[in-house]
Protein backbone atom coordinates (compact mmCIF):
# COMPACT_ATOMS: atom_id res chain seq x y z
CA MET A 1 -35.64 -11.49 -29.38
CA VAL A 2 -37.28 -14.37 -27.59
CA ILE A 3 -34.16 -15.55 -25.84
CA PRO A 4 -32.93 -12.18 -24.29
CA PHE A 5 -36.84 -11.71 -23.35
CA THR A 6 -36.74 -14.92 -21.22
CA ARG A 7 -33.47 -13.94 -19.93
CA GLN A 8 -34.36 -10.59 -18.57
CA LEU A 9 -37.63 -11.78 -17.61
CA TYR A 10 -36.21 -14.86 -15.30
CA THR A 11 -33.77 -12.28 -14.03
CA LEU A 12 -36.20 -9.83 -13.07
CA ILE A 13 -38.90 -12.37 -11.46
CA LYS A 14 -35.93 -13.89 -9.67
CA THR A 15 -34.89 -10.70 -7.56
CA GLY A 16 -38.54 -10.91 -6.42
CA ILE A 17 -40.29 -8.41 -9.33
CA PRO A 18 -43.95 -8.88 -10.16
CA LEU A 19 -44.63 -10.61 -13.42
CA LEU A 20 -46.38 -7.47 -14.71
CA LYS A 21 -43.79 -5.08 -13.37
CA ALA A 22 -41.01 -7.09 -14.89
CA LEU A 23 -42.63 -7.11 -18.45
CA GLN A 24 -43.10 -3.17 -18.06
CA ILE A 25 -39.46 -2.89 -17.35
CA ILE A 26 -38.56 -5.07 -20.54
CA SER A 27 -41.15 -3.02 -22.42
CA VAL A 28 -39.81 0.08 -21.74
CA GLN A 29 -36.14 -1.05 -22.34
CA SER A 30 -37.10 -2.78 -25.67
CA VAL A 31 -36.32 -1.28 -29.07
CA PRO A 32 -39.71 0.01 -30.82
CA GLY A 33 -40.89 -2.66 -33.42
CA ARG A 34 -42.90 -5.76 -33.61
CA PHE A 35 -41.75 -7.24 -30.56
CA LYS A 36 -42.27 -4.66 -28.38
CA THR A 37 -45.65 -4.28 -29.48
CA ASP A 38 -46.55 -7.83 -28.92
CA ILE A 39 -45.01 -7.25 -25.23
CA ASP A 40 -47.10 -4.17 -24.86
CA ALA A 41 -50.23 -6.18 -25.99
CA ILE A 42 -49.10 -9.12 -23.46
CA ILE A 43 -49.03 -6.60 -20.59
CA GLY A 44 -52.72 -5.28 -21.77
CA ASP A 45 -53.98 -8.58 -21.70
CA ILE A 46 -52.60 -9.50 -18.20
CA GLN A 47 -53.98 -6.08 -16.85
CA GLN A 48 -57.56 -6.97 -18.36
CA GLY A 49 -57.07 -10.52 -16.08
CA ARG A 50 -55.65 -13.13 -18.73
CA SER A 51 -52.95 -15.43 -17.56
CA PHE A 52 -49.53 -15.03 -18.71
CA SER A 53 -49.91 -18.01 -21.02
CA GLU A 54 -53.31 -16.88 -22.49
CA ALA A 55 -51.64 -13.58 -22.87
CA LEU A 56 -48.54 -15.47 -25.03
CA ALA A 57 -51.02 -17.01 -26.96
CA ALA A 58 -52.39 -13.96 -28.45
CA SER A 59 -49.06 -13.42 -30.05
CA PRO A 60 -47.89 -16.83 -31.81
CA ARG A 61 -46.18 -14.98 -34.36
CA CYS A 62 -43.28 -14.69 -31.41
CA PHE A 63 -43.94 -17.48 -28.82
CA SER A 64 -44.38 -21.15 -29.90
CA VAL A 65 -46.50 -23.90 -28.77
CA PHE A 66 -43.59 -25.32 -27.03
CA TYR A 67 -42.92 -21.91 -25.05
CA ILE A 68 -46.78 -21.25 -24.42
CA ASN A 69 -47.02 -24.63 -22.90
CA MET A 70 -44.26 -24.49 -20.49
CA ILE A 71 -45.39 -20.94 -18.95
CA LYS A 72 -48.91 -22.99 -18.40
CA ALA A 73 -46.73 -25.43 -16.67
CA ALA A 74 -45.30 -22.92 -14.57
CA GLU A 75 -48.41 -21.44 -13.86
CA VAL A 76 -49.94 -24.82 -12.90
CA SER A 77 -46.71 -25.70 -10.57
CA GLY A 78 -46.13 -22.02 -9.19
CA ASN A 79 -42.45 -22.24 -10.45
CA LEU A 80 -42.09 -19.85 -13.09
CA THR A 81 -38.57 -18.72 -11.95
CA GLY A 82 -37.35 -22.18 -12.52
CA ILE A 83 -39.35 -23.14 -15.68
CA LEU A 84 -37.96 -19.53 -17.09
CA LYS A 85 -34.49 -20.52 -16.25
CA GLU A 86 -35.08 -24.20 -18.02
CA LEU A 87 -36.80 -22.18 -21.32
CA SER A 88 -33.70 -20.00 -21.33
CA GLN A 89 -31.38 -22.95 -21.54
CA HIS A 90 -33.36 -24.80 -24.00
CA LEU A 91 -33.61 -21.93 -26.39
CA VAL A 92 -29.85 -21.22 -26.50
CA ASN A 93 -29.17 -24.95 -26.73
CA SER A 94 -31.20 -24.61 -29.99
CA ARG A 95 -29.92 -22.06 -31.13
CA ARG A 96 -26.18 -22.94 -30.69
CA ILE A 97 -26.85 -26.15 -32.67
CA ALA A 98 -28.62 -24.87 -35.33
CA ARG A 99 -25.98 -21.96 -36.16
CA GLN A 100 -23.30 -24.84 -35.66
CA VAL A 101 -24.85 -26.52 -38.41
CA GLN A 102 -25.43 -23.50 -40.53
CA ALA A 103 -21.94 -22.46 -40.24
CA ALA A 104 -20.76 -25.67 -41.27
CA PHE A 105 -22.39 -26.19 -44.37
CA MET A 106 -22.21 -22.37 -45.12
CA TYR A 107 -18.26 -22.59 -46.08
CA PRO A 108 -18.41 -25.35 -48.82
CA ALA A 109 -22.02 -23.87 -49.96
CA LEU A 110 -20.20 -20.88 -50.64
CA LEU A 111 -17.57 -22.59 -52.21
CA LEU A 112 -19.54 -24.30 -54.48
CA LEU A 113 -21.76 -21.62 -55.25
CA ILE A 114 -18.56 -19.10 -56.29
CA ALA A 115 -17.05 -22.41 -58.42
CA GLY A 116 -20.55 -22.70 -60.07
CA VAL A 117 -20.46 -18.74 -60.90
CA ILE A 118 -17.08 -19.15 -62.40
CA LEU A 119 -17.58 -21.90 -64.23
CA ILE A 120 -20.83 -20.56 -66.07
CA GLY A 121 -18.75 -17.35 -66.89
CA LEU A 122 -16.22 -19.08 -68.53
CA LEU A 123 -18.47 -21.29 -70.44
CA MET A 124 -20.75 -18.51 -71.52
CA PHE A 125 -18.02 -15.52 -72.39
CA VAL A 126 -14.46 -16.17 -72.01
CA LEU A 127 -14.90 -19.76 -73.75
CA PRO A 128 -16.51 -18.11 -76.89
CA VAL A 129 -14.01 -15.68 -77.13
CA PHE A 130 -10.85 -18.55 -77.60
CA THR A 131 -12.99 -20.23 -79.75
CA ARG A 132 -12.68 -17.46 -82.45
CA ILE A 133 -9.37 -17.33 -81.90
CA PHE A 134 -8.94 -20.99 -82.45
CA GLU A 135 -11.35 -20.88 -85.59
CA ASP A 136 -8.70 -18.01 -87.02
CA LEU A 137 -5.88 -19.63 -86.45
CA GLY A 138 -7.31 -23.13 -87.52
CA GLY A 139 -5.34 -26.32 -87.11
CA ASN A 140 -5.85 -29.37 -85.09
CA LEU A 141 -6.78 -28.83 -81.54
CA PRO A 142 -6.31 -31.08 -78.49
CA PRO A 143 -9.32 -33.40 -77.28
CA THR A 144 -9.50 -31.56 -74.38
CA THR A 145 -9.87 -28.04 -75.75
CA LEU A 146 -12.54 -29.26 -78.38
CA PHE A 147 -14.60 -30.83 -75.44
CA LEU A 148 -14.51 -27.22 -73.87
CA ILE A 149 -15.44 -25.61 -76.79
CA TRP A 150 -18.32 -28.30 -77.44
CA LEU A 151 -19.61 -27.54 -73.78
CA SER A 152 -19.48 -23.82 -74.06
CA LYS A 153 -21.27 -23.87 -77.21
CA PHE A 154 -23.82 -26.32 -75.93
CA ALA A 155 -24.47 -24.06 -72.87
CA LEU A 156 -25.00 -20.81 -75.22
CA ARG A 157 -27.63 -22.84 -76.77
CA TRP A 158 -29.22 -24.86 -74.44
CA GLY A 159 -28.33 -23.33 -70.89
CA TRP A 160 -31.36 -21.44 -70.88
CA LEU A 161 -33.40 -24.89 -71.16
CA PHE A 162 -31.82 -26.31 -68.25
CA LEU A 163 -32.22 -23.46 -66.25
CA LEU A 164 -35.88 -23.54 -66.99
CA ILE A 165 -35.93 -27.23 -65.91
CA PHE A 166 -34.39 -26.64 -63.01
CA LEU A 167 -36.48 -23.86 -61.98
CA LEU A 168 -39.61 -25.82 -62.46
CA LEU A 169 -38.16 -28.96 -60.47
CA VAL A 170 -37.82 -26.52 -57.68
CA ALA A 171 -41.15 -25.18 -58.09
CA LEU A 172 -42.52 -28.93 -58.52
CA VAL A 173 -40.59 -29.96 -55.04
CA PHE A 174 -42.39 -27.02 -53.11
CA ILE A 175 -45.67 -27.59 -54.53
CA LEU A 176 -45.23 -31.56 -53.57
CA TYR A 177 -43.98 -30.72 -50.03
CA ARG A 178 -47.35 -29.10 -49.35
CA ARG A 179 -48.56 -32.65 -49.44
CA THR A 180 -48.69 -35.01 -46.66
CA ARG A 181 -47.63 -38.28 -48.63
CA ALA A 182 -44.92 -36.07 -50.57
CA LYS A 183 -43.61 -34.49 -47.05
CA TYR A 184 -43.13 -38.13 -45.82
CA ILE A 185 -41.26 -39.26 -48.74
CA ILE A 186 -38.94 -36.19 -49.04
CA ASN A 187 -38.41 -36.18 -45.33
CA GLU A 188 -37.34 -40.41 -45.62
CA PHE A 189 -35.13 -39.35 -48.90
CA ILE A 190 -33.43 -36.35 -46.74
CA TRP A 191 -32.80 -39.07 -43.83
CA ARG A 192 -31.26 -41.50 -46.22
CA ILE A 193 -29.04 -39.03 -47.66
CA PRO A 194 -24.94 -40.30 -46.78
CA LEU A 195 -23.51 -38.21 -44.02
CA PHE A 196 -26.02 -35.19 -44.41
CA GLY A 197 -29.10 -37.13 -43.80
CA LYS A 198 -27.29 -38.96 -40.66
CA VAL A 199 -26.71 -35.21 -39.35
CA THR A 200 -30.77 -34.09 -39.69
CA LYS A 201 -31.86 -37.07 -38.24
CA THR A 202 -29.57 -36.81 -35.41
CA MET A 203 -30.44 -33.08 -35.16
CA ASP A 204 -34.17 -34.16 -35.37
CA ILE A 205 -34.23 -36.78 -32.62
CA GLY A 206 -31.83 -34.60 -30.46
CA ARG A 207 -34.49 -31.91 -30.78
CA PHE A 208 -37.31 -34.23 -29.64
CA CYS A 209 -35.36 -35.50 -26.61
CA ARG A 210 -34.56 -31.86 -25.44
CA THR A 211 -38.08 -30.48 -25.99
CA LEU A 212 -39.73 -33.66 -24.44
CA GLY A 213 -37.12 -33.52 -21.51
CA THR A 214 -37.68 -30.10 -20.74
CA LEU A 215 -41.54 -30.19 -21.10
CA LEU A 216 -41.58 -33.46 -18.65
CA SER A 217 -39.29 -32.00 -16.40
CA SER A 218 -41.56 -28.93 -16.15
CA GLY A 219 -44.43 -30.82 -15.08
CA VAL A 220 -46.21 -31.31 -18.32
CA THR A 221 -48.05 -34.77 -18.69
CA LEU A 222 -46.58 -37.12 -21.37
CA VAL A 223 -49.58 -37.03 -23.37
CA ARG A 224 -49.84 -33.17 -23.76
CA SER A 225 -45.84 -33.48 -24.15
CA MET A 226 -46.31 -35.52 -27.47
CA GLU A 227 -48.96 -33.18 -28.64
CA VAL A 228 -46.93 -29.79 -28.23
CA ILE A 229 -43.86 -31.82 -30.32
CA TYR A 230 -45.81 -32.71 -32.67
CA GLU A 231 -47.32 -29.37 -33.49
CA THR A 232 -43.68 -27.77 -33.27
CA THR A 233 -41.34 -30.43 -35.24
CA THR A 234 -40.57 -30.00 -38.82
CA SER A 235 -40.22 -33.70 -39.30
CA VAL A 236 -42.88 -35.43 -41.11
CA LEU A 237 -41.40 -38.74 -40.09
CA LEU A 238 -40.99 -38.08 -36.14
CA GLN A 239 -44.86 -36.04 -36.68
CA SER A 240 -45.84 -39.42 -37.47
CA ALA A 241 -43.91 -41.67 -34.94
CA LEU A 242 -45.22 -39.18 -32.44
CA GLU A 243 -48.64 -39.90 -33.50
CA ASP A 244 -48.43 -43.38 -33.00
CA ILE A 245 -46.80 -43.14 -29.89
CA ARG A 246 -49.39 -40.92 -28.22
CA TYR A 247 -52.03 -43.21 -29.54
CA LYS A 248 -50.39 -46.28 -27.66
CA ILE A 249 -49.65 -44.45 -24.72
CA GLU A 250 -53.33 -43.76 -24.42
CA GLN A 251 -54.08 -47.22 -24.77
CA GLY A 252 -51.79 -48.04 -21.80
CA MET A 253 -48.62 -48.95 -23.51
CA SER A 254 -45.57 -47.90 -22.46
CA LEU A 255 -43.77 -45.06 -23.70
CA SER A 256 -40.16 -47.25 -24.73
CA GLY A 257 -42.18 -49.82 -25.90
CA ALA A 258 -44.29 -47.60 -28.13
CA MET A 259 -41.10 -45.75 -29.26
CA GLU A 260 -39.64 -49.00 -30.05
CA GLU A 261 -42.69 -50.31 -32.47
CA THR A 262 -42.12 -46.99 -34.65
CA GLY A 263 -38.66 -48.07 -35.60
CA VAL A 264 -37.81 -44.55 -35.96
CA PHE A 265 -35.86 -44.04 -32.68
CA PRO A 266 -32.31 -45.75 -32.03
CA LEU A 267 -32.53 -48.85 -29.87
CA THR A 268 -29.99 -47.27 -27.44
CA LEU A 269 -32.56 -44.35 -26.71
CA VAL A 270 -35.28 -46.63 -26.28
CA ARG A 271 -33.35 -48.90 -23.73
CA MET A 272 -32.26 -45.62 -21.91
CA ILE A 273 -36.14 -44.55 -21.65
CA GLN A 274 -36.76 -47.91 -20.18
CA VAL A 275 -34.64 -47.85 -17.37
CA GLY A 276 -35.95 -44.26 -16.95
CA GLU A 277 -39.57 -45.72 -16.80
CA GLU A 278 -38.26 -48.13 -13.64
CA THR A 279 -36.31 -45.17 -12.05
CA GLY A 280 -39.01 -42.52 -12.48
CA LYS A 281 -36.54 -40.00 -14.17
CA ILE A 282 -37.55 -40.25 -17.77
CA GLY A 283 -37.11 -36.38 -18.29
CA ASP A 284 -33.90 -36.12 -16.89
CA LEU A 285 -32.59 -39.16 -19.35
CA PHE A 286 -34.31 -37.39 -22.28
CA LEU A 287 -32.10 -34.30 -21.49
CA ASP A 288 -29.09 -36.54 -21.11
CA ALA A 289 -29.59 -38.12 -24.65
CA ALA A 290 -30.40 -34.71 -26.25
CA GLN A 291 -26.91 -33.60 -25.00
CA ASP A 292 -25.27 -36.62 -26.42
CA TYR A 293 -26.97 -36.31 -29.40
CA GLU A 294 -25.96 -32.49 -29.81
CA GLU A 295 -22.31 -33.81 -29.30
CA GLU A 296 -22.69 -36.19 -32.02
CA VAL A 297 -23.87 -33.57 -34.34
CA THR A 298 -21.04 -31.42 -33.34
CA PHE A 299 -18.52 -34.36 -34.02
CA ILE A 300 -20.22 -35.31 -37.14
CA ILE A 301 -20.09 -31.76 -38.73
CA THR A 302 -16.41 -31.42 -37.65
CA GLY A 303 -15.37 -34.83 -39.12
CA LEU A 304 -17.35 -33.65 -42.52
CA LEU A 305 -16.03 -30.52 -42.57
CA SER A 306 -12.29 -31.59 -42.51
CA LEU A 307 -12.87 -34.04 -45.14
CA LEU A 308 -15.03 -31.89 -47.23
CA GLU A 309 -12.85 -28.65 -47.52
CA PRO A 310 -9.94 -30.31 -48.86
CA VAL A 311 -11.77 -32.27 -51.29
CA LEU A 312 -13.39 -29.29 -52.78
CA ILE A 313 -10.11 -27.42 -52.69
CA VAL A 314 -8.47 -30.45 -54.75
CA VAL A 315 -11.53 -30.74 -57.09
CA MET A 316 -11.66 -26.91 -57.74
CA GLY A 317 -8.25 -26.68 -58.63
CA GLY A 318 -8.51 -29.72 -60.71
CA VAL A 319 -11.35 -28.09 -62.90
CA VAL A 320 -9.66 -24.77 -62.94
CA GLY A 321 -6.11 -26.82 -64.20
CA PHE A 322 -8.03 -28.47 -66.74
CA ILE A 323 -9.75 -25.26 -68.18
CA VAL A 324 -6.50 -23.46 -68.18
CA VAL A 325 -4.28 -26.12 -69.89
CA SER A 326 -6.75 -26.89 -72.14
CA LEU A 327 -7.17 -23.10 -73.28
CA PHE A 328 -3.78 -21.97 -72.99
CA PHE A 329 -1.85 -25.12 -74.52
CA PRO A 330 -2.87 -24.41 -77.96
CA ILE A 331 -1.96 -21.07 -77.83
CA PHE A 332 1.42 -21.88 -76.76
CA THR A 333 1.75 -24.31 -79.63
CA LEU A 334 0.99 -21.48 -82.46
CA SER A 335 3.41 -22.62 -84.99
CA GLY A 336 1.39 -25.72 -85.09
CA LEU A 337 -1.90 -24.22 -85.09
CA VAL A 338 -1.02 -21.60 -88.02
CA LYS A 339 -1.28 -22.79 -91.52
């Protein structure tokens, strides 16, 4: 809802409609619900003399710290129309990248889920039926069939225990994730996972570049921009790096030097920012870097999918083929099984 709201507000203010009137028009057009209630509350706050950013801050469930600070910058600079346009573009780009990643991993995840359900169903319900048939027939069974029978009996007897252990491990991860040190270790582990870790790290750094570039281009100070990104980022490693960068900038160090010392950011990005500090176009360079990282994420995901899809199909086909052959081969040779 925030993206359509921002676009509508930008369009209305661009045509010369005052802010309060524009908000009232959007409220009338909005579907009844939580978001409309928040817009009405914002209108009421502005009518009582609050600034737009203060009114937005009273509705944190809809508007992020980043959004509120962008509006604060607009109030200071008097360029609400331009900053609303930048906000809209930023939100659209962020949503596009997030949806690309979700869509890319949805197919293999769904495929693995279906394969897992089918495999469990075979082990828990189908194989016991075949086991009773083979026991009635007697004779010597192939090793592959014996292995499947053993696996089925094992799953029936101890499956509940493995499920319980899995649920306990998931609960443990959630509990540990609330602790800062555990968050740091988990984040570092995720970044080190082959392919998936590279995608996650590139997305985190790309999001950092786009947010910082948008804030700086809108007139927000560097130190305040770092504070905003620290509050909005989900990566603990980036939060730690941002805290360190902010401290060193306040001590007089350059942004590129502080970024390089963290060891988190790619050297190419650091060198780009070094050039930006000399030319005075840091905000534009961060936005260009964000574009590059977003394109890299798209490229990695496309390549990963083109590799994953055939591999998953071959693996699933191999597993299904193994089960079918192991179960039906003894049936096809009944004469050798019957005593």
